Amino acid sequence: MKWQEYVELKPGVMCGKPVIKGTRITVELILERLGDGWSENDLIAAYPHLRPDHIRAAQSYAAASLATDEFLFLNESA
């Protein structure tokens, strides 16, 4: 699955958040709904423009984004 085929970022669309190409459905919305317990079928019923590939692309995009994050841990003093 190449998420790049389905996800795009455009400054003028949804404030530049990643969206499913040709829609205003954000990756964030898809992930939030899945996290709330929605099924793939629930998402498709609520957002008829979505396809299963779109949902998987959103998940792949999120995984790729997290893979490039860097974390800086600071020592905590009490």
PDB file of N, CA and C in Angstrom:
ATOM      1  N   MET A   1       0.850  -1.182   0.000  1.00  0.00           N
ATOM      2  CA  MET A   1       0.000   0.000   0.000  1.00  0.00           C
ATOM      3  C   MET A   1       0.886   1.233   0.000  1.00  0.00           C
ATOM      4  N   LYS A   2       0.740   2.047  -0.994  1.00  0.00           N
ATOM      5  CA  LYS A   2       1.450   3.321  -1.042  1.00  0.00           C
ATOM      6  C   LYS A   2       0.454   4.415  -0.662  1.00  0.00           C
ATOM      7  N   TRP A   3       0.602   4.915   0.551  1.00  0.00           N
ATOM      8  CA  TRP A   3      -0.343   5.919   1.025  1.00  0.00           C
ATOM      9  C   TRP A   3      -0.320   7.165   0.148  1.00  0.00           C
ATOM     10  N   GLN A   4       0.823   7.423  -0.510  1.00  0.00           N
ATOM     11  CA  GLN A   4       0.955   8.620  -1.352  1.00  0.00           C
ATOM     12  C   GLN A   4      -0.064   8.637  -2.497  1.00  0.00           C
ATOM     13  N   GLU A   5      -0.572   7.490  -2.874  1.00  0.00           N
ATOM     14  CA  GLU A   5      -1.575   7.427  -3.941  1.00  0.00           C
ATOM     15  C   GLU A   5      -2.929   7.946  -3.477  1.00  0.00           C
ATOM     16  N   TYR A   6      -3.144   8.009  -2.171  1.00  0.00           N
ATOM     17  CA  TYR A   6      -4.457   8.349  -1.635  1.00  0.00           C
ATOM     18  C   TYR A   6      -4.493   9.566  -0.718  1.00  0.00           C
ATOM     19  N   VAL A   7      -3.346   9.953  -0.177  1.00  0.00           N
ATOM     20  CA  VAL A   7      -3.300  11.051   0.800  1.00  0.00           C
ATOM     21  C   VAL A   7      -2.530  12.219   0.210  1.00  0.00           C
ATOM     22  N   GLU A   8      -3.075  13.430   0.439  1.00  0.00           N
ATOM     23  CA  GLU A   8      -2.381  14.636  -0.033  1.00  0.00           C
ATOM     24  C   GLU A   8      -2.467  15.724   1.022  1.00  0.00           C
ATOM     25  N   LEU A   9      -1.536  16.657   0.934  1.00  0.00           N
ATOM     26  CA  LEU A   9      -1.524  17.834   1.793  1.00  0.00           C
ATOM     27  C   LEU A   9      -1.518  19.054   0.879  1.00  0.00           C
ATOM     28  N   LYS A  10      -2.506  19.917   1.048  1.00  0.00           N
ATOM     29  CA  LYS A  10      -2.589  21.150   0.271  1.00  0.00           C
ATOM     30  C   LYS A  10      -2.861  22.300   1.236  1.00  0.00           C
ATOM     31  N   PRO A  11      -2.089  23.373   1.135  1.00  0.00           N
ATOM     32  CA  PRO A  11      -2.264  24.491   2.069  1.00  0.00           C
ATOM     33  C   PRO A  11      -3.705  25.015   2.134  1.00  0.00           C
ATOM     34  N   GLY A  12      -4.426  25.017   1.019  1.00  0.00           N
ATOM     35  CA  GLY A  12      -5.777  25.583   0.989  1.00  0.00           C
ATOM     36  C   GLY A  12      -6.884  24.606   1.341  1.00  0.00           C
ATOM     37  N   VAL A  13      -6.541  23.385   1.675  1.00  0.00           N
ATOM     38  CA  VAL A  13      -7.557  22.378   2.002  1.00  0.00           C
ATOM     39  C   VAL A  13      -7.375  21.943   3.446  1.00  0.00           C
ATOM     40  N   MET A  14      -8.386  22.171   4.247  1.00  0.00           N
ATOM     41  CA  MET A  14      -8.384  21.773   5.658  1.00  0.00           C
ATOM     42  C   MET A  14      -7.120  22.247   6.384  1.00  0.00           C
ATOM     43  N   CYS A  15      -6.727  23.467   6.122  1.00  0.00           N
ATOM     44  CA  CYS A  15      -5.571  24.110   6.768  1.00  0.00           C
ATOM     45  C   CYS A  15      -4.278  23.331   6.554  1.00  0.00           C
ATOM     46  N   GLY A  16      -4.182  22.599   5.454  1.00  0.00           N
ATOM     47  CA  GLY A  16      -2.959  21.870   5.137  1.00  0.00           C
ATOM     48  C   GLY A  16      -2.840  20.510   5.800  1.00  0.00           C
ATOM     49  N   LYS A  17      -3.886  20.085   6.520  1.00  0.00           N
ATOM     50  CA  LYS A  17      -3.841  18.754   7.131  1.00  0.00           C
ATOM     51  C   LYS A  17      -3.893  17.689   6.045  1.00  0.00           C
ATOM     52  N   PRO A  18      -3.345  16.516   6.308  1.00  0.00           N
ATOM     53  CA  PRO A  18      -3.429  15.443   5.316  1.00  0.00           C
ATOM     54  C   PRO A  18      -4.882  14.990   5.145  1.00  0.00           C
ATOM     55  N   VAL A  19      -5.306  14.897   3.888  1.00  0.00           N
ATOM     56  CA  VAL A  19      -6.670  14.490   3.546  1.00  0.00           C
ATOM     57  C   VAL A  19      -6.629  13.387   2.498  1.00  0.00           C
ATOM     58  N   ILE A  20      -7.731  12.691   2.357  1.00  0.00           N
ATOM     59  CA  ILE A  20      -7.882  11.742   1.269  1.00  0.00           C
ATOM     60  C   ILE A  20      -8.023  12.564  -0.004  1.00  0.00           C
ATOM     61  N   LYS A  21      -7.254  12.237  -1.020  1.00  0.00           N
ATOM     62  CA  LYS A  21      -7.239  13.011  -2.263  1.00  0.00           C
ATOM     63  C   LYS A  21      -8.648  13.228  -2.796  1.00  0.00           C
ATOM     64  N   GLY A  22      -8.907  14.462  -3.197  1.00  0.00           N
ATOM     65  CA  GLY A  22     -10.189  14.815  -3.792  1.00  0.00           C
ATOM     66  C   GLY A  22     -11.318  14.982  -2.798  1.00  0.00           C
ATOM     67  N   THR A  23     -10.996  14.932  -1.480  1.00  0.00           N
ATOM     68  CA  THR A  23     -12.027  15.097  -0.453  1.00  0.00           C
ATOM     69  C   THR A  23     -11.536  16.099   0.589  1.00  0.00           C
ATOM     70  N   ARG A  24     -12.396  16.369   1.540  1.00  0.00           N
ATOM     71  CA  ARG A  24     -12.012  17.150   2.702  1.00  0.00           C
ATOM     72  C   ARG A  24     -12.023  16.256   3.949  1.00  0.00           C
ATOM     73  N   ILE A  25     -11.898  14.968   3.723  1.00  0.00           N
ATOM     74  CA  ILE A  25     -11.868  13.998   4.820  1.00  0.00           C
ATOM     75  C   ILE A  25     -10.424  13.855   5.276  1.00  0.00           C
ATOM     76  N   THR A  26     -10.163  14.259   6.515  1.00  0.00           N
ATOM     77  CA  THR A  26      -8.787  14.249   7.012  1.00  0.00           C
ATOM     78  C   THR A  26      -8.384  12.867   7.533  1.00  0.00           C
ATOM     79  N   VAL A  27      -7.087  12.631   7.464  1.00  0.00           N
ATOM     80  CA  VAL A  27      -6.520  11.423   8.071  1.00  0.00           C
ATOM     81  C   VAL A  27      -6.845  11.423   9.561  1.00  0.00           C
ATOM     82  N   GLU A  28      -6.766  12.570  10.168  1.00  0.00           N
ATOM     83  CA  GLU A  28      -7.067  12.712  11.595  1.00  0.00           C
ATOM     84  C   GLU A  28      -8.477  12.217  11.907  1.00  0.00           C
ATOM     85  N   LEU A  29      -9.456  12.612  11.119  1.00  0.00           N
ATOM     86  CA  LEU A  29     -10.841  12.202  11.346  1.00  0.00           C
ATOM     87  C   LEU A  29     -10.968  10.677  11.260  1.00  0.00           C
ATOM     88  N   ILE A  30     -10.365  10.095  10.244  1.00  0.00           N
ATOM     89  CA  ILE A  30     -10.435   8.642  10.071  1.00  0.00           C
ATOM     90  C   ILE A  30      -9.833   7.933  11.283  1.00  0.00           C
ATOM     91  N   LEU A  31      -8.659   8.382  11.714  1.00  0.00           N
ATOM     92  CA  LEU A  31      -7.996   7.747  12.852  1.00  0.00           C
ATOM     93  C   LEU A  31      -8.772   7.948  14.149  1.00  0.00           C
ATOM     94  N   GLU A  32      -9.349   9.125  14.327  1.00  0.00           N
ATOM     95  CA  GLU A  32     -10.155   9.376  15.528  1.00  0.00           C
ATOM     96  C   GLU A  32     -11.360   8.443  15.576  1.00  0.00           C
ATOM     97  N   ARG A  33     -12.035   8.308  14.451  1.00  0.00           N
ATOM     98  CA  ARG A  33     -13.215   7.431  14.405  1.00  0.00           C
ATOM     99  C   ARG A  33     -12.828   5.979  14.678  1.00  0.00           C
ATOM    100  N   LEU A  34     -11.740   5.523  14.074  1.00  0.00           N
ATOM    101  CA  LEU A  34     -11.285   4.164  14.338  1.00  0.00           C
ATOM    102  C   LEU A  34     -10.945   3.989  15.816  1.00  0.00           C
ATOM    103  N   GLY A  35     -10.306   4.992  16.390  1.00  0.00           N
ATOM    104  CA  GLY A  35      -9.964   4.958  17.812  1.00  0.00           C
ATOM    105  C   GLY A  35     -11.187   4.956  18.716  1.00  0.00           C
ATOM    106  N   ASP A  36     -12.268   5.544  18.228  1.00  0.00           N
ATOM    107  CA  ASP A  36     -13.525   5.558  18.983  1.00  0.00           C
ATOM    108  C   ASP A  36     -14.301   4.251  18.835  1.00  0.00           C
ATOM    109  N   GLY A  37     -13.755   3.329  18.044  1.00  0.00           N
ATOM    110  CA  GLY A  37     -14.408   2.040  17.900  1.00  0.00           C
ATOM    111  C   GLY A  37     -15.223   1.860  16.632  1.00  0.00           C
ATOM    112  N   TRP A  38     -15.202   2.861  15.750  1.00  0.00           N
ATOM    113  CA  TRP A  38     -15.929   2.710  14.488  1.00  0.00           C
ATOM    114  C   TRP A  38     -15.271   1.616  13.657  1.00  0.00           C
ATOM    115  N   SER A  39     -16.082   0.880  12.945  1.00  0.00           N
ATOM    116  CA  SER A  39     -15.550  -0.124  12.029  1.00  0.00           C
ATOM    117  C   SER A  39     -15.335   0.509  10.655  1.00  0.00           C
ATOM    118  N   GLU A  40     -14.660  -0.224   9.799  1.00  0.00           N
ATOM    119  CA  GLU A  40     -14.487   0.227   8.415  1.00  0.00           C
ATOM    120  C   GLU A  40     -15.857   0.463   7.774  1.00  0.00           C
ATOM    121  N   ASN A  41     -16.796  -0.433   8.029  1.00  0.00           N
ATOM    122  CA  ASN A  41     -18.145  -0.282   7.464  1.00  0.00           C
ATOM    123  C   ASN A  41     -18.848   0.955   7.996  1.00  0.00           C
ATOM    124  N   ASP A  42     -18.658   1.263   9.284  1.00  0.00           N
ATOM    125  CA  ASP A  42     -19.238   2.475   9.864  1.00  0.00           C
ATOM    126  C   ASP A  42     -18.717   3.717   9.149  1.00  0.00           C
ATOM    127  N   LEU A  43     -17.408   3.749   8.922  1.00  0.00           N
ATOM    128  CA  LEU A  43     -16.797   4.899   8.247  1.00  0.00           C
ATOM    129  C   LEU A  43     -17.346   5.060   6.829  1.00  0.00           C
ATOM    130  N   ILE A  44     -17.423   3.972   6.111  1.00  0.00           N
ATOM    131  CA  ILE A  44     -17.890   4.027   4.721  1.00  0.00           C
ATOM    132  C   ILE A  44     -19.360   4.437   4.668  1.00  0.00           C
ATOM    133  N   ALA A  45     -20.151   3.982   5.635  1.00  0.00           N
ATOM    134  CA  ALA A  45     -21.566   4.372   5.680  1.00  0.00           C
ATOM    135  C   ALA A  45     -21.710   5.870   5.974  1.00  0.00           C
ATOM    136  N   ALA A  46     -20.866   6.391   6.868  1.00  0.00           N
ATOM    137  CA  ALA A  46     -20.949   7.807   7.247  1.00  0.00           C
ATOM    138  C   ALA A  46     -20.328   8.725   6.205  1.00  0.00           C
ATOM    139  N   TYR A  47     -19.334   8.226   5.500  1.00  0.00           N
ATOM    140  CA  TYR A  47     -18.602   9.017   4.499  1.00  0.00           C
ATOM    141  C   TYR A  47     -18.556   8.206   3.200  1.00  0.00           C
ATOM    142  N   PRO A  48     -19.612   8.289   2.401  1.00  0.00           N
ATOM    143  CA  PRO A  48     -19.738   7.429   1.211  1.00  0.00           C
ATOM    144  C   PRO A  48     -18.605   7.552   0.193  1.00  0.00           C
ATOM    145  N   HIS A  49     -17.844   8.628   0.232  1.00  0.00           N
ATOM    146  CA  HIS A  49     -16.722   8.778  -0.702  1.00  0.00           C
ATOM    147  C   HIS A  49     -15.519   7.915  -0.313  1.00  0.00           C
ATOM    148  N   LEU A  50     -15.515   7.432   0.937  1.00  0.00           N
ATOM    149  CA  LEU A  50     -14.395   6.609   1.402  1.00  0.00           C
ATOM    150  C   LEU A  50     -14.477   5.191   0.854  1.00  0.00           C
ATOM    151  N   ARG A  51     -13.300   4.638   0.621  1.00  0.00           N
ATOM    152  CA  ARG A  51     -13.171   3.234   0.238  1.00  0.00           C
ATOM    153  C   ARG A  51     -12.212   2.577   1.230  1.00  0.00           C
ATOM    154  N   PRO A  52     -12.242   1.262   1.312  1.00  0.00           N
ATOM    155  CA  PRO A  52     -11.323   0.581   2.241  1.00  0.00           C
ATOM    156  C   PRO A  52      -9.863   0.976   2.022  1.00  0.00           C
ATOM    157  N   ASP A  53      -9.450   1.167   0.771  1.00  0.00           N
ATOM    158  CA  ASP A  53      -8.067   1.586   0.500  1.00  0.00           C
ATOM    159  C   ASP A  53      -7.747   2.932   1.128  1.00  0.00           C
ATOM    160  N   HIS A  54      -8.712   3.826   1.185  1.00  0.00           N
ATOM    161  CA  HIS A  54      -8.501   5.134   1.808  1.00  0.00           C
ATOM    162  C   HIS A  54      -8.210   4.982   3.299  1.00  0.00           C
ATOM    163  N   ILE A  55      -8.953   4.106   3.941  1.00  0.00           N
ATOM    164  CA  ILE A  55      -8.775   3.899   5.379  1.00  0.00           C
ATOM    165  C   ILE A  55      -7.400   3.304   5.657  1.00  0.00           C
ATOM    166  N   ARG A  56      -6.996   2.336   4.887  1.00  0.00           N
ATOM    167  CA  ARG A  56      -5.667   1.743   5.063  1.00  0.00           C
ATOM    168  C   ARG A  56      -4.572   2.761   4.756  1.00  0.00           C
ATOM    169  N   ALA A  57      -4.796   3.605   3.765  1.00  0.00           N
ATOM    170  CA  ALA A  57      -3.809   4.638   3.431  1.00  0.00           C
ATOM    171  C   ALA A  57      -3.652   5.623   4.589  1.00  0.00           C
ATOM    172  N   ALA A  58      -4.756   5.981   5.233  1.00  0.00           N
ATOM    173  CA  ALA A  58      -4.689   6.890   6.387  1.00  0.00           C
ATOM    174  C   ALA A  58      -3.860   6.265   7.504  1.00  0.00           C
ATOM    175  N   GLN A  59      -4.055   4.984   7.742  1.00  0.00           N
ATOM    176  CA  GLN A  59      -3.287   4.294   8.770  1.00  0.00           C
ATOM    177  C   GLN A  59      -1.806   4.208   8.387  1.00  0.00           C
ATOM    178  N   SER A  60      -1.543   3.935   7.132  1.00  0.00           N
ATOM    179  CA  SER A  60      -0.150   3.855   6.663  1.00  0.00           C
ATOM    180  C   SER A  60       0.533   5.213   6.749  1.00  0.00           C
ATOM    181  N   TYR A  61      -0.202   6.271   6.399  1.00  0.00           N
ATOM    182  CA  TYR A  61       0.346   7.620   6.499  1.00  0.00           C
ATOM    183  C   TYR A  61       0.725   7.918   7.959  1.00  0.00           C
ATOM    184  N   ALA A  62      -0.166   7.591   8.884  1.00  0.00           N
ATOM    185  CA  ALA A  62       0.102   7.850  10.302  1.00  0.00           C
ATOM    186  C   ALA A  62       1.331   7.074  10.774  1.00  0.00           C
ATOM    187  N   ALA A  63       1.430   5.824  10.375  1.00  0.00           N
ATOM    188  CA  ALA A  63       2.589   5.013  10.764  1.00  0.00           C
ATOM    189  C   ALA A  63       3.879   5.604  10.198  1.00  0.00           C
ATOM    190  N   ALA A  64       3.842   6.025   8.941  1.00  0.00           N
ATOM    191  CA  ALA A  64       5.028   6.625   8.321  1.00  0.00           C
ATOM    192  C   ALA A  64       5.403   7.930   9.015  1.00  0.00           C
ATOM    193  N   SER A  65       4.404   8.710   9.394  1.00  0.00           N
ATOM    194  CA  SER A  65       4.673   9.973  10.086  1.00  0.00           C
ATOM    195  C   SER A  65       5.315   9.730  11.439  1.00  0.00           C
ATOM    196  N   LEU A  66       4.808   8.754  12.169  1.00  0.00           N
ATOM    197  CA  LEU A  66       5.380   8.440  13.477  1.00  0.00           C
ATOM    198  C   LEU A  66       6.781   7.865  13.364  1.00  0.00           C
ATOM    199  N   ALA A  67       7.043   7.154  12.294  1.00  0.00           N
ATOM    200  CA  ALA A  67       8.361   6.551  12.107  1.00  0.00           C
ATOM    201  C   ALA A  67       9.450   7.598  11.931  1.00  0.00           C
ATOM    202  N   THR A  68       9.083   8.790  11.505  1.00  0.00           N
ATOM    203  CA  THR A  68      10.078   9.834  11.284  1.00  0.00           C
ATOM    204  C   THR A  68      10.169  10.814  12.448  1.00  0.00           C
ATOM    205  N   ASP A  69       9.319  10.639  13.462  1.00  0.00           N
ATOM    206  CA  ASP A  69       9.370  11.512  14.635  1.00  0.00           C
ATOM    207  C   ASP A  69      10.647  11.274  15.422  1.00  0.00           C
ATOM    208  N   GLU A  70      11.147  12.330  16.021  1.00  0.00           N
ATOM    209  CA  GLU A  70      12.278  12.223  16.928  1.00  0.00           C
ATOM    210  C   GLU A  70      11.808  12.672  18.297  1.00  0.00           C
ATOM    211  N   PHE A  71      12.286  11.991  19.328  1.00  0.00           N
ATOM    212  CA  PHE A  71      11.882  12.302  20.675  1.00  0.00           C
ATOM    213  C   PHE A  71      13.078  12.783  21.473  1.00  0.00           C
ATOM    214  N   LEU A  72      12.860  13.790  22.259  1.00  0.00           N
ATOM    215  CA  LEU A  72      13.906  14.329  23.118  1.00  0.00           C
ATOM    216  C   LEU A  72      13.406  14.194  24.551  1.00  0.00           C
ATOM    217  N   PHE A  73      14.112  13.405  25.326  1.00  0.00           N
ATOM    218  CA  PHE A  73      13.743  13.211  26.724  1.00  0.00           C
ATOM    219  C   PHE A  73      14.644  14.061  27.596  1.00  0.00           C
ATOM    220  N   LEU A  74      14.045  14.845  28.437  1.00  0.00           N
ATOM    221  CA  LEU A  74      14.787  15.685  29.340  1.00  0.00           C
ATOM    222  C   LEU A  74      14.752  15.056  30.726  1.00  0.00           C
ATOM    223  N   ASN A  75      15.845  15.220  31.464  1.00  0.00           N
ATOM    224  CA  ASN A  75      15.871  14.713  32.836  1.00  0.00           C
ATOM    225  C   ASN A  75      14.893  15.514  33.659  1.00  0.00           C
ATOM    226  N   GLU A  76      14.112  14.783  34.422  1.00  0.00           N
ATOM    227  CA  GLU A  76      13.164  15.456  35.316  1.00  0.00           C
ATOM    228  C   GLU A  76      13.798  15.596  36.686  1.00  0.00           C
ATOM    229  N   SER A  77      13.681  16.765  37.274  1.00  0.00           N
ATOM    230  CA  SER A  77      14.187  16.933  38.638  1.00  0.00           C
ATOM    231  C   SER A  77      13.000  17.214  39.541  1.00  0.00           C
ATOM    232  N   ALA A  78      13.009  16.598  40.699  1.00  0.00           N
ATOM    233  CA  ALA A  78      11.879  16.708  41.618  1.00  0.00           C
ATOM    234  C   ALA A  78      11.956  17.945  42.440  1.00  0.00           C
TER     235      ALA A  78
END
